[in-house]
Every structure is written in structure tokens, then in C-alpha cells.
């Protein structure tokens, strides 16, 4: 029996996945959580073989939760499942130790097959997204530039960002300027949008 943990903040999606996987004779859903912050604790309690993690969740996102889970329970294989098929997400998921990456508009058969294949030790990656990821390449942003752009999502002044990130205003300006240049944007807001669209944030 393949023991599966589901993490998705949308109860309807989570319930649909649980119902679908529960129909399979060799798969059992042993835990369901609605945020990235709950993943490790639930996994340590339920000992899943495979974790199916959404990317965008409250608290820690699915990519951070994947890395946490791989560190806490290395025997658990991770599949990242997302609505947003962004090339940067794929690269970050693989870097976090995920064994699979599928988009939510995949067929039920593809999702079930992905769970079985990942459980057997294989990697499963959406082929269209893999091709796009190769075409787009790796994120040009440094980790600090990514942090500054992510904090700039909600607007706020340079002083606001500096306070949140515990950096000087000059350092924040430098990182913003560099990130704007690397994304080819004209403004901070456009840089955030372009980085999000590429899955770099």
C-alpha cells in the first residue's frame, strides 16, 4: 500500500484528490493538511511514502515545505502539484529534492501514475514544463534579490522593505535595481510580475 500525504490549501481540491486516490486499491491517503507549515509534523505522525504538495499555500509554500520534508523524512518522496506551470517552479522544486512535478490539469490517470512511479523510485516531470524550463533557463536572481522582490509584492516604500528585511535602504535599492535589470523590467512592479510569471518568486 502506498501511503500518501496531501497538502493543499483549497479544501475542495484536497478532497477531490483524496477521493480520487482513495479509489485505487494500492493507494491510501493517510494525512491531509492545508498549509506548508503543517507538512512536516503531519508526515512525522503518518509516515507517508509520497507527499503531494501544492506550491502556493499559506505559511511556508510547497517548495519550502518540500525541502523541509526531505530533511525531516528522507524516505518520503515528494511530488509538487500546482495550478501554475511555471518553469522556475520546476527548477526550484527539483532543487528542493522533489521527485515529481505535475500540473493540476493533468488527467486523474496521470496523477495516479505519477504517485506510483515516484513511489517506485522514478522521477516524473510534466514534459511540456520540462521543455519550457530548459528554454527559460535558471533564475538570474540571487537569493537576496529574490527576497527583496518577494517583499516588494505588496508595495511599500524602500524604507518599509528595509525594515522588514533588516537591511539598509541603500542595500535594498541596490538589490531592487539589480533585479529590475536582470528581469528586463522598467519598474519594480513589472520586475515582480515578470519574476512571478517565470516562477522565480
N, C-alpha and C. Protein backbone atom coordinates (compact mmCIF):
# COMPACT_ATOMS: atom_id res chain seq x y z
N UNK A 1 0.84 -1.20 0.00
CA UNK A 1 0.00 0.00 0.00
C UNK A 1 0.88 1.25 0.00
N UNK A 2 0.61 2.16 -0.92
CA UNK A 2 1.35 3.43 -1.00
C UNK A 2 0.64 4.46 -0.11
N UNK A 3 1.33 4.94 0.91
CA UNK A 3 0.75 5.89 1.86
C UNK A 3 1.03 7.31 1.39
N UNK A 4 -0.03 8.11 1.24
CA UNK A 4 0.09 9.44 0.64
C UNK A 4 -0.35 10.54 1.62
N UNK A 5 0.44 11.62 1.66
CA UNK A 5 0.06 12.84 2.36
C UNK A 5 -0.32 13.88 1.33
N UNK A 6 -1.42 14.59 1.56
CA UNK A 6 -1.87 15.64 0.66
C UNK A 6 -1.77 16.99 1.36
N UNK A 7 -1.17 17.98 0.69
CA UNK A 7 -1.10 19.35 1.23
C UNK A 7 -1.59 20.31 0.18
N UNK A 8 -2.74 20.93 0.44
CA UNK A 8 -3.34 21.91 -0.47
C UNK A 8 -4.25 22.79 0.35
N UNK A 9 -4.17 24.10 0.16
CA UNK A 9 -4.99 25.00 0.97
C UNK A 9 -6.44 25.06 0.50
N UNK A 10 -6.74 24.53 -0.67
CA UNK A 10 -8.11 24.52 -1.16
C UNK A 10 -8.76 23.19 -0.78
N UNK A 11 -9.73 23.26 0.14
CA UNK A 11 -10.35 22.05 0.67
C UNK A 11 -11.01 21.21 -0.42
N UNK A 12 -11.60 21.88 -1.40
CA UNK A 12 -12.28 21.17 -2.48
C UNK A 12 -11.28 20.37 -3.32
N UNK A 13 -10.15 20.98 -3.64
CA UNK A 13 -9.11 20.30 -4.43
C UNK A 13 -8.53 19.13 -3.62
N UNK A 14 -8.23 19.41 -2.36
CA UNK A 14 -7.66 18.38 -1.49
C UNK A 14 -8.61 17.19 -1.38
N UNK A 15 -9.90 17.51 -1.18
CA UNK A 15 -10.90 16.45 -1.05
C UNK A 15 -11.04 15.64 -2.33
N UNK A 16 -10.98 16.33 -3.48
CA UNK A 16 -11.08 15.62 -4.77
C UNK A 16 -9.89 14.69 -4.97
N UNK A 17 -8.69 15.17 -4.63
CA UNK A 17 -7.51 14.32 -4.76
C UNK A 17 -7.63 13.11 -3.84
N UNK A 18 -8.07 13.35 -2.60
CA UNK A 18 -8.19 12.25 -1.64
C UNK A 18 -9.19 11.21 -2.13
N UNK A 19 -10.34 11.68 -2.65
CA UNK A 19 -11.36 10.76 -3.15
C UNK A 19 -10.84 9.97 -4.34
N UNK A 20 -10.16 10.66 -5.25
CA UNK A 20 -9.64 10.01 -6.45
C UNK A 20 -8.59 8.95 -6.10
N UNK A 21 -7.63 9.34 -5.25
CA UNK A 21 -6.57 8.39 -4.88
C UNK A 21 -7.13 7.24 -4.04
N UNK A 22 -8.17 7.54 -3.25
CA UNK A 22 -8.77 6.51 -2.40
C UNK A 22 -9.46 5.41 -3.17
N UNK A 23 -9.76 5.66 -4.44
CA UNK A 23 -10.39 4.63 -5.27
C UNK A 23 -9.39 3.57 -5.74
N UNK A 24 -8.10 3.89 -5.63
CA UNK A 24 -7.07 2.97 -6.10
C UNK A 24 -6.80 1.89 -5.04
N UNK A 25 -6.71 0.63 -5.45
CA UNK A 25 -6.55 -0.45 -4.46
C UNK A 25 -5.20 -0.45 -3.75
N UNK A 26 -4.21 0.21 -4.35
CA UNK A 26 -2.86 0.17 -3.77
C UNK A 26 -2.43 1.51 -3.17
N UNK A 27 -3.37 2.47 -3.03
CA UNK A 27 -3.02 3.79 -2.51
C UNK A 27 -3.95 4.15 -1.34
N UNK A 28 -3.36 4.69 -0.29
CA UNK A 28 -4.14 5.12 0.87
C UNK A 28 -3.71 6.52 1.28
N UNK A 29 -4.66 7.46 1.38
CA UNK A 29 -4.35 8.81 1.85
C UNK A 29 -4.34 8.78 3.38
N UNK A 30 -3.17 9.03 3.96
CA UNK A 30 -3.00 8.88 5.42
C UNK A 30 -2.97 10.22 6.15
N UNK A 31 -2.86 11.34 5.42
CA UNK A 31 -2.86 12.65 6.06
C UNK A 31 -3.23 13.72 5.05
N UNK A 32 -3.95 14.74 5.53
CA UNK A 32 -4.31 15.90 4.71
C UNK A 32 -4.06 17.16 5.52
N UNK A 33 -3.36 18.13 4.93
CA UNK A 33 -3.11 19.41 5.61
C UNK A 33 -3.38 20.56 4.64
N UNK A 34 -3.59 21.76 5.21
CA UNK A 34 -3.97 22.89 4.37
C UNK A 34 -2.90 23.98 4.30
N UNK A 35 -1.74 23.76 4.92
CA UNK A 35 -0.67 24.76 4.82
C UNK A 35 0.69 24.09 4.83
N UNK A 36 1.67 24.80 4.29
CA UNK A 36 3.02 24.27 4.26
C UNK A 36 3.61 24.09 5.66
N UNK A 37 3.15 24.90 6.61
CA UNK A 37 3.65 24.81 7.98
C UNK A 37 3.30 23.48 8.66
N UNK A 38 2.25 22.82 8.17
CA UNK A 38 1.77 21.59 8.81
C UNK A 38 2.38 20.32 8.22
N UNK A 39 3.10 20.44 7.12
CA UNK A 39 3.53 19.26 6.36
C UNK A 39 4.44 18.34 7.17
N UNK A 40 5.50 18.88 7.75
CA UNK A 40 6.48 18.02 8.42
C UNK A 40 5.86 17.31 9.62
N UNK A 41 5.13 18.04 10.46
CA UNK A 41 4.52 17.42 11.65
C UNK A 41 3.56 16.30 11.24
N UNK A 42 2.75 16.55 10.22
CA UNK A 42 1.80 15.52 9.76
C UNK A 42 2.53 14.32 9.20
N UNK A 43 3.62 14.58 8.47
CA UNK A 43 4.39 13.48 7.88
C UNK A 43 5.06 12.63 8.97
N UNK A 44 5.56 13.28 10.00
CA UNK A 44 6.21 12.54 11.09
C UNK A 44 5.19 11.67 11.83
N UNK A 45 3.95 12.15 11.91
CA UNK A 45 2.89 11.36 12.56
C UNK A 45 2.42 10.20 11.67
N UNK A 46 2.25 10.46 10.37
CA UNK A 46 1.59 9.50 9.48
C UNK A 46 2.54 8.61 8.68
N UNK A 47 3.82 8.97 8.61
CA UNK A 47 4.83 8.22 7.85
C UNK A 47 4.40 7.91 6.41
N UNK A 48 4.12 8.94 5.61
CA UNK A 48 3.72 8.68 4.22
C UNK A 48 4.92 8.23 3.37
N UNK A 49 4.61 7.53 2.29
CA UNK A 49 5.64 7.16 1.32
C UNK A 49 5.81 8.26 0.28
N UNK A 50 4.69 8.95 -0.02
CA UNK A 50 4.68 10.00 -1.03
C UNK A 50 3.89 11.19 -0.48
N UNK A 51 4.42 12.40 -0.70
CA UNK A 51 3.69 13.62 -0.32
C UNK A 51 3.38 14.39 -1.59
N UNK A 52 2.13 14.79 -1.73
CA UNK A 52 1.67 15.57 -2.87
C UNK A 52 1.45 16.99 -2.36
N UNK A 53 2.33 17.93 -2.76
CA UNK A 53 2.33 19.28 -2.20
C UNK A 53 1.97 20.33 -3.24
N UNK A 54 1.01 21.20 -2.90
CA UNK A 54 0.69 22.35 -3.73
C UNK A 54 1.82 23.37 -3.56
N UNK A 55 2.05 24.24 -4.54
CA UNK A 55 3.09 25.26 -4.41
C UNK A 55 2.63 26.41 -3.54
N UNK A 56 1.51 27.01 -3.89
CA UNK A 56 1.06 28.22 -3.19
C UNK A 56 0.10 27.87 -2.07
N UNK A 57 0.62 27.96 -0.83
CA UNK A 57 -0.16 27.69 0.37
C UNK A 57 0.18 28.74 1.41
N UNK A 58 -0.70 28.91 2.40
CA UNK A 58 -0.37 29.83 3.49
C UNK A 58 0.85 29.34 4.27
N UNK A 59 1.53 30.27 4.93
CA UNK A 59 2.73 29.89 5.68
C UNK A 59 3.84 29.54 4.70
N UNK A 60 4.52 28.45 4.98
CA UNK A 60 5.59 28.00 4.07
C UNK A 60 4.96 27.49 2.78
N UNK A 61 5.53 27.90 1.65
CA UNK A 61 4.97 27.41 0.38
C UNK A 61 5.40 25.95 0.18
N UNK A 62 4.83 25.33 -0.85
CA UNK A 62 5.10 23.92 -1.08
C UNK A 62 6.54 23.60 -1.40
N UNK A 63 7.26 24.55 -2.01
CA UNK A 63 8.66 24.32 -2.36
C UNK A 63 9.53 24.31 -1.10
N UNK A 64 9.27 25.24 -0.18
CA UNK A 64 9.99 25.25 1.09
C UNK A 64 9.62 24.03 1.92
N UNK A 65 8.32 23.68 1.91
CA UNK A 65 7.87 22.51 2.67
C UNK A 65 8.50 21.23 2.11
N UNK A 66 8.70 21.18 0.80
CA UNK A 66 9.34 20.00 0.20
C UNK A 66 10.75 19.82 0.73
N UNK A 67 11.50 20.92 0.80
CA UNK A 67 12.87 20.84 1.33
C UNK A 67 12.86 20.43 2.79
N UNK A 68 11.93 21.00 3.58
CA UNK A 68 11.82 20.65 5.00
C UNK A 68 11.50 19.16 5.16
N UNK A 69 10.58 18.68 4.34
CA UNK A 69 10.15 17.28 4.43
C UNK A 69 11.27 16.33 4.04
N UNK A 70 12.01 16.68 3.01
CA UNK A 70 13.13 15.83 2.59
C UNK A 70 14.20 15.73 3.69
N UNK A 71 14.38 16.83 4.43
CA UNK A 71 15.36 16.82 5.53
C UNK A 71 14.84 16.01 6.73
N UNK A 72 13.55 16.15 7.03
CA UNK A 72 12.98 15.51 8.22
C UNK A 72 12.64 14.03 8.00
N UNK A 73 12.23 13.69 6.78
CA UNK A 73 11.79 12.33 6.48
C UNK A 73 12.26 11.94 5.08
N UNK A 74 13.56 11.63 4.95
CA UNK A 74 14.14 11.38 3.61
C UNK A 74 13.48 10.24 2.84
N UNK A 75 12.83 9.32 3.56
CA UNK A 75 12.19 8.19 2.87
C UNK A 75 10.92 8.59 2.12
N UNK A 76 10.39 9.76 2.44
CA UNK A 76 9.16 10.22 1.79
C UNK A 76 9.51 10.93 0.48
N UNK A 77 8.94 10.46 -0.61
CA UNK A 77 9.17 11.06 -1.93
C UNK A 77 8.15 12.17 -2.16
N UNK A 78 8.58 13.26 -2.75
CA UNK A 78 7.72 14.44 -2.90
C UNK A 78 7.33 14.67 -4.36
N UNK A 79 6.03 14.92 -4.57
CA UNK A 79 5.54 15.38 -5.86
C UNK A 79 4.96 16.77 -5.64
N UNK A 80 5.44 17.73 -6.40
CA UNK A 80 4.86 19.07 -6.37
C UNK A 80 3.77 19.12 -7.43
N UNK A 81 2.59 19.55 -7.00
CA UNK A 81 1.43 19.59 -7.90
C UNK A 81 0.86 21.00 -7.85
N UNK A 82 0.81 21.67 -8.99
CA UNK A 82 0.43 23.08 -8.96
C UNK A 82 -0.46 23.47 -10.13
N UNK A 83 -1.24 24.50 -9.89
CA UNK A 83 -2.04 25.11 -10.96
C UNK A 83 -1.13 25.89 -11.89
N UNK A 84 -0.04 26.42 -11.31
CA UNK A 84 0.82 27.34 -12.04
C UNK A 84 2.04 26.61 -12.60
N UNK A 85 1.97 26.24 -13.87
CA UNK A 85 3.07 25.53 -14.50
C UNK A 85 4.16 26.49 -14.94
N UNK A 86 4.91 27.01 -13.98
CA UNK A 86 5.95 28.00 -14.29
C UNK A 86 7.31 27.32 -14.27
N UNK A 87 8.13 27.58 -15.29
CA UNK A 87 9.44 26.91 -15.38
C UNK A 87 10.30 27.08 -14.13
N UNK A 88 10.29 28.27 -13.54
CA UNK A 88 11.10 28.49 -12.34
C UNK A 88 10.67 27.64 -11.18
N UNK A 89 9.37 27.34 -11.09
CA UNK A 89 8.88 26.46 -10.03
C UNK A 89 9.48 25.06 -10.18
N UNK A 90 9.56 24.59 -11.42
CA UNK A 90 10.12 23.27 -11.65
C UNK A 90 11.57 23.21 -11.16
N UNK A 91 12.37 24.19 -11.53
CA UNK A 91 13.77 24.21 -11.12
C UNK A 91 13.89 24.26 -9.60
N UNK A 92 13.07 25.08 -8.97
CA UNK A 92 13.12 25.19 -7.51
C UNK A 92 12.63 23.92 -6.83
N UNK A 93 11.63 23.26 -7.41
CA UNK A 93 11.14 22.00 -6.85
C UNK A 93 12.22 20.92 -6.90
N UNK A 94 12.90 20.83 -8.03
CA UNK A 94 13.97 19.83 -8.15
C UNK A 94 15.11 20.13 -7.18
N UNK A 95 15.43 21.42 -7.02
CA UNK A 95 16.47 21.82 -6.08
C UNK A 95 16.08 21.48 -4.65
N UNK A 96 14.77 21.50 -4.36
CA UNK A 96 14.28 21.19 -3.02
C UNK A 96 14.19 19.68 -2.77
N UNK A 97 14.50 18.89 -3.79
CA UNK A 97 14.51 17.43 -3.62
C UNK A 97 13.25 16.73 -4.06
N UNK A 98 12.36 17.44 -4.77
CA UNK A 98 11.14 16.79 -5.26
C UNK A 98 11.49 15.74 -6.31
N UNK A 99 10.70 14.66 -6.32
CA UNK A 99 10.91 13.60 -7.31
C UNK A 99 9.93 13.72 -8.47
N UNK A 100 8.92 14.58 -8.30
CA UNK A 100 7.94 14.75 -9.34
C UNK A 100 7.39 16.15 -9.38
N UNK A 101 6.91 16.55 -10.56
CA UNK A 101 6.29 17.87 -10.73
C UNK A 101 5.19 17.71 -11.75
N UNK A 102 3.94 17.89 -11.31
CA UNK A 102 2.80 17.76 -12.21
C UNK A 102 1.89 18.97 -12.07
N UNK A 103 1.17 19.29 -13.13
CA UNK A 103 0.22 20.40 -13.08
C UNK A 103 -1.18 19.84 -12.82
N UNK A 104 -2.01 20.67 -12.18
CA UNK A 104 -3.32 20.20 -11.72
C UNK A 104 -4.28 19.89 -12.86
N UNK A 105 -3.99 20.35 -14.07
CA UNK A 105 -4.89 20.00 -15.16
C UNK A 105 -4.49 18.68 -15.83
N UNK A 106 -3.56 17.97 -15.20
CA UNK A 106 -3.23 16.61 -15.67
C UNK A 106 -4.46 15.72 -15.44
N UNK A 107 -4.56 14.64 -16.19
CA UNK A 107 -5.70 13.74 -16.01
C UNK A 107 -5.55 12.96 -14.71
N UNK A 108 -6.65 12.46 -14.14
CA UNK A 108 -6.56 11.64 -12.93
C UNK A 108 -5.61 10.45 -13.11
N UNK A 109 -5.65 9.86 -14.31
CA UNK A 109 -4.77 8.70 -14.58
C UNK A 109 -3.30 9.11 -14.50
N UNK A 110 -2.98 10.30 -15.01
CA UNK A 110 -1.59 10.78 -14.96
C UNK A 110 -1.14 11.02 -13.53
N UNK A 111 -2.03 11.56 -12.70
CA UNK A 111 -1.67 11.82 -11.31
C UNK A 111 -1.44 10.52 -10.54
N UNK A 112 -2.34 9.57 -10.73
CA UNK A 112 -2.19 8.26 -10.07
C UNK A 112 -0.90 7.59 -10.54
N UNK A 113 -0.65 7.65 -11.84
CA UNK A 113 0.57 7.06 -12.40
C UNK A 113 1.81 7.73 -11.82
N UNK A 114 1.76 9.06 -11.63
CA UNK A 114 2.88 9.80 -11.06
C UNK A 114 3.17 9.33 -9.63
N UNK A 115 2.12 9.12 -8.84
CA UNK A 115 2.29 8.64 -7.46
C UNK A 115 2.98 7.28 -7.47
N UNK A 116 2.51 6.39 -8.32
CA UNK A 116 3.09 5.04 -8.37
C UNK A 116 4.54 5.08 -8.86
N UNK A 117 4.81 5.87 -9.88
CA UNK A 117 6.17 5.91 -10.44
C UNK A 117 7.15 6.54 -9.47
N UNK A 118 6.74 7.62 -8.82
CA UNK A 118 7.62 8.27 -7.84
C UNK A 118 7.87 7.32 -6.67
N UNK A 119 6.83 6.61 -6.23
CA UNK A 119 6.99 5.65 -5.13
C UNK A 119 7.99 4.55 -5.50
N UNK A 120 8.01 4.19 -6.78
CA UNK A 120 8.92 3.12 -7.22
C UNK A 120 10.35 3.61 -7.43
N UNK A 121 10.59 4.92 -7.21
CA UNK A 121 11.95 5.45 -7.31
C UNK A 121 12.24 6.25 -8.55
N UNK A 122 11.24 6.43 -9.41
CA UNK A 122 11.44 7.19 -10.65
C UNK A 122 11.15 8.67 -10.43
N UNK A 123 11.57 9.49 -11.39
CA UNK A 123 11.22 10.91 -11.41
C UNK A 123 10.11 11.11 -12.44
N UNK A 124 9.19 12.00 -12.12
CA UNK A 124 8.09 12.30 -13.04
C UNK A 124 7.99 13.81 -13.18
N UNK A 125 8.15 14.29 -14.42
CA UNK A 125 8.08 15.72 -14.68
C UNK A 125 7.20 15.96 -15.89
N UNK A 126 6.29 16.93 -15.78
CA UNK A 126 5.45 17.31 -16.91
C UNK A 126 6.36 17.66 -18.09
N UNK A 127 6.23 16.96 -19.24
CA UNK A 127 7.17 17.14 -20.35
C UNK A 127 7.15 18.54 -20.97
N UNK A 128 5.96 19.15 -21.06
CA UNK A 128 5.87 20.50 -21.63
C UNK A 128 6.61 21.49 -20.74
N UNK A 129 6.41 21.34 -19.43
CA UNK A 129 7.05 22.24 -18.49
C UNK A 129 8.57 22.02 -18.48
N UNK A 130 9.00 20.79 -18.62
CA UNK A 130 10.43 20.50 -18.67
C UNK A 130 11.07 21.20 -19.87
N UNK A 131 10.40 21.16 -21.01
CA UNK A 131 10.93 21.83 -22.21
C UNK A 131 10.98 23.34 -22.01
N UNK A 132 9.92 23.90 -21.41
CA UNK A 132 9.89 25.35 -21.15
C UNK A 132 11.00 25.75 -20.18
N UNK A 133 11.21 24.91 -19.18
CA UNK A 133 12.23 25.21 -18.17
C UNK A 133 13.62 25.26 -18.80
N UNK A 134 13.88 24.34 -19.72
CA UNK A 134 15.17 24.34 -20.41
C UNK A 134 15.31 25.60 -21.27
N UNK A 135 14.21 26.02 -21.88
CA UNK A 135 14.25 27.21 -22.75
C UNK A 135 14.47 28.48 -21.94
N UNK A 136 13.80 28.58 -20.79
CA UNK A 136 13.89 29.79 -19.96
C UNK A 136 15.22 29.85 -19.21
N UNK A 137 15.70 28.69 -18.79
CA UNK A 137 16.96 28.65 -18.03
C UNK A 137 16.75 28.93 -16.56
N UNK A 138 17.83 28.95 -15.82
CA UNK A 138 17.78 29.14 -14.37
C UNK A 138 17.47 30.59 -14.04
N UNK A 139 16.97 30.80 -12.84
CA UNK A 139 16.68 32.16 -12.39
C UNK A 139 17.97 32.96 -12.31
N UNK A 140 17.96 34.18 -12.85
CA UNK A 140 19.16 35.02 -12.78
C UNK A 140 19.29 35.74 -11.43
N UNK A 141 18.24 35.64 -10.60
CA UNK A 141 18.22 36.39 -9.35
C UNK A 141 19.02 35.69 -8.26
N UNK A 142 19.75 36.49 -7.47
CA UNK A 142 20.39 35.93 -6.28
C UNK A 142 19.31 35.70 -5.23
N UNK A 143 19.65 34.96 -4.19
CA UNK A 143 18.68 34.69 -3.13
C UNK A 143 18.21 35.99 -2.48
N UNK A 144 19.11 36.93 -2.26
CA UNK A 144 18.75 38.19 -1.62
C UNK A 144 17.87 39.04 -2.55
N UNK A 145 18.18 39.04 -3.85
CA UNK A 145 17.34 39.77 -4.81
C UNK A 145 15.92 39.19 -4.83
N UNK A 146 15.85 37.87 -4.74
CA UNK A 146 14.54 37.20 -4.70
C UNK A 146 13.77 37.61 -3.45
N UNK A 147 14.46 37.65 -2.30
CA UNK A 147 13.82 38.07 -1.04
C UNK A 147 13.28 39.49 -1.14
N UNK A 148 14.08 40.39 -1.71
CA UNK A 148 13.68 41.79 -1.82
C UNK A 148 12.48 41.93 -2.77
N UNK A 149 12.53 41.25 -3.91
CA UNK A 149 11.39 41.32 -4.84
C UNK A 149 10.13 40.72 -4.23
N UNK A 150 10.29 39.60 -3.54
CA UNK A 150 9.12 38.96 -2.90
C UNK A 150 8.50 39.90 -1.87
N UNK A 151 9.33 40.59 -1.12
CA UNK A 151 8.82 41.54 -0.12
C UNK A 151 8.17 42.75 -0.78
N UNK A 152 8.59 43.05 -2.01
CA UNK A 152 8.05 44.21 -2.73
C UNK A 152 6.70 43.93 -3.37
N UNK A 153 6.23 42.69 -3.31
CA UNK A 153 4.95 42.33 -3.93
C UNK A 153 3.80 43.22 -3.47
N UNK A 154 3.78 43.52 -2.18
CA UNK A 154 2.66 44.27 -1.61
C UNK A 154 2.87 45.77 -1.65
N UNK A 155 3.85 46.22 -2.41
CA UNK A 155 4.14 47.65 -2.48
C UNK A 155 4.99 48.05 -1.28
N UNK A 156 4.79 49.24 -0.77
CA UNK A 156 5.61 49.70 0.35
C UNK A 156 6.83 50.45 -0.16
N UNK A 157 7.33 51.29 0.69
CA UNK A 157 8.50 52.10 0.33
C UNK A 157 9.77 51.29 0.52
N UNK A 158 10.87 51.85 0.04
CA UNK A 158 12.18 51.23 0.26
C UNK A 158 12.44 51.12 1.77
N UNK A 159 12.04 52.15 2.52
CA UNK A 159 12.22 52.12 3.98
C UNK A 159 11.42 50.98 4.60
N UNK A 160 10.20 50.74 4.09
CA UNK A 160 9.38 49.63 4.60
C UNK A 160 10.07 48.29 4.35
N UNK A 161 10.57 48.12 3.14
CA UNK A 161 11.26 46.87 2.78
C UNK A 161 12.51 46.69 3.63
N UNK A 162 13.25 47.76 3.82
CA UNK A 162 14.48 47.69 4.61
C UNK A 162 14.17 47.24 6.03
N UNK A 163 13.08 47.77 6.60
CA UNK A 163 12.69 47.39 7.96
C UNK A 163 12.34 45.91 8.04
N UNK A 164 11.52 45.44 7.09
CA UNK A 164 11.08 44.04 7.09
C UNK A 164 12.26 43.08 6.91
N UNK A 165 13.18 43.45 6.03
CA UNK A 165 14.30 42.56 5.68
C UNK A 165 15.54 42.77 6.55
N UNK A 166 15.49 43.78 7.44
CA UNK A 166 16.64 44.09 8.30
C UNK A 166 17.89 44.42 7.47
N UNK A 167 17.66 45.25 6.45
CA UNK A 167 18.75 45.71 5.59
C UNK A 167 18.75 47.23 5.57
N UNK A 168 19.84 47.81 5.10
CA UNK A 168 19.84 49.26 4.94
C UNK A 168 19.04 49.62 3.70
N UNK A 169 18.57 50.87 3.65
CA UNK A 169 17.80 51.32 2.48
C UNK A 169 18.66 51.29 1.22
N UNK A 170 19.93 51.63 1.34
CA UNK A 170 20.83 51.59 0.19
C UNK A 170 20.97 50.18 -0.37
N UNK A 171 21.09 49.20 0.54
CA UNK A 171 21.21 47.80 0.10
C UNK A 171 19.94 47.35 -0.61
N UNK A 172 18.77 47.73 -0.08
CA UNK A 172 17.51 47.38 -0.71
C UNK A 172 17.43 47.99 -2.11
N UNK A 173 17.80 49.26 -2.22
CA UNK A 173 17.79 49.93 -3.54
C UNK A 173 18.69 49.20 -4.53
N UNK A 174 19.89 48.82 -4.07
CA UNK A 174 20.84 48.11 -4.95
C UNK A 174 20.25 46.79 -5.44
N UNK A 175 19.65 46.02 -4.52
CA UNK A 175 19.07 44.73 -4.89
C UNK A 175 17.89 44.91 -5.84
N UNK A 176 17.05 45.92 -5.56
CA UNK A 176 15.91 46.19 -6.46
C UNK A 176 16.40 46.57 -7.85
N UNK A 177 17.39 47.43 -7.90
CA UNK A 177 17.93 47.88 -9.18
C UNK A 177 18.50 46.71 -9.97
N UNK A 178 19.24 45.85 -9.28
CA UNK A 178 19.83 44.69 -9.93
C UNK A 178 18.75 43.74 -10.45
N UNK A 179 17.72 43.50 -9.62
CA UNK A 179 16.63 42.59 -10.01
C UNK A 179 15.85 43.15 -11.19
N UNK A 180 15.62 44.46 -11.20
CA UNK A 180 14.92 45.10 -12.32
C UNK A 180 15.73 44.91 -13.61
N UNK A 181 17.04 45.10 -13.51
CA UNK A 181 17.91 44.93 -14.68
C UNK A 181 17.91 43.49 -15.18
N UNK A 182 18.00 42.53 -14.25
CA UNK A 182 18.08 41.12 -14.65
C UNK A 182 16.78 40.60 -15.26
N UNK A 183 15.65 41.15 -14.83
CA UNK A 183 14.37 40.70 -15.39
C UNK A 183 14.00 41.45 -16.66
N UNK A 184 14.77 42.51 -16.97
CA UNK A 184 14.47 43.31 -18.16
C UNK A 184 13.26 44.20 -17.96
N UNK A 185 12.92 44.46 -16.70
CA UNK A 185 11.74 45.27 -16.39
C UNK A 185 12.10 46.76 -16.40
N UNK A 186 11.03 47.58 -16.41
CA UNK A 186 11.23 49.03 -16.32
C UNK A 186 10.96 49.54 -14.91
N UNK A 187 10.13 48.81 -14.18
CA UNK A 187 9.76 49.24 -12.83
C UNK A 187 9.85 48.08 -11.86
N UNK A 188 9.78 48.41 -10.59
CA UNK A 188 9.80 47.38 -9.54
C UNK A 188 8.59 46.46 -9.68
N UNK A 189 7.41 47.04 -9.90
CA UNK A 189 6.19 46.24 -10.02
C UNK A 189 6.27 45.29 -11.22
N UNK A 190 6.84 45.77 -12.32
CA UNK A 190 6.98 44.92 -13.50
C UNK A 190 7.99 43.80 -13.23
N UNK A 191 9.05 44.10 -12.50
CA UNK A 191 10.04 43.08 -12.15
C UNK A 191 9.41 41.98 -11.30
N UNK A 192 8.55 42.39 -10.35
CA UNK A 192 7.85 41.40 -9.51
C UNK A 192 6.97 40.52 -10.39
N UNK A 193 6.21 41.14 -11.30
CA UNK A 193 5.30 40.38 -12.17
C UNK A 193 6.06 39.41 -13.07
N UNK A 194 7.15 39.88 -13.68
CA UNK A 194 7.93 39.02 -14.57
C UNK A 194 8.56 37.87 -13.81
N UNK A 195 9.08 38.15 -12.61
CA UNK A 195 9.70 37.09 -11.80
C UNK A 195 8.65 36.08 -11.35
N UNK A 196 7.47 36.56 -11.00
CA UNK A 196 6.39 35.64 -10.62
C UNK A 196 5.95 34.77 -11.79
N UNK A 197 5.79 35.38 -12.97
CA UNK A 197 5.37 34.66 -14.16
C UNK A 197 6.37 33.56 -14.54
N UNK A 198 7.64 33.80 -14.23
CA UNK A 198 8.68 32.80 -14.53
C UNK A 198 8.85 31.78 -13.42
N UNK A 199 8.15 31.99 -12.29
CA UNK A 199 8.27 31.05 -11.17
C UNK A 199 9.53 31.25 -10.36
N UNK A 200 10.14 32.44 -10.44
CA UNK A 200 11.37 32.70 -9.69
C UNK A 200 11.10 33.17 -8.28
N UNK A 201 9.86 33.57 -7.99
CA UNK A 201 9.50 34.02 -6.63
C UNK A 201 8.64 32.97 -5.95
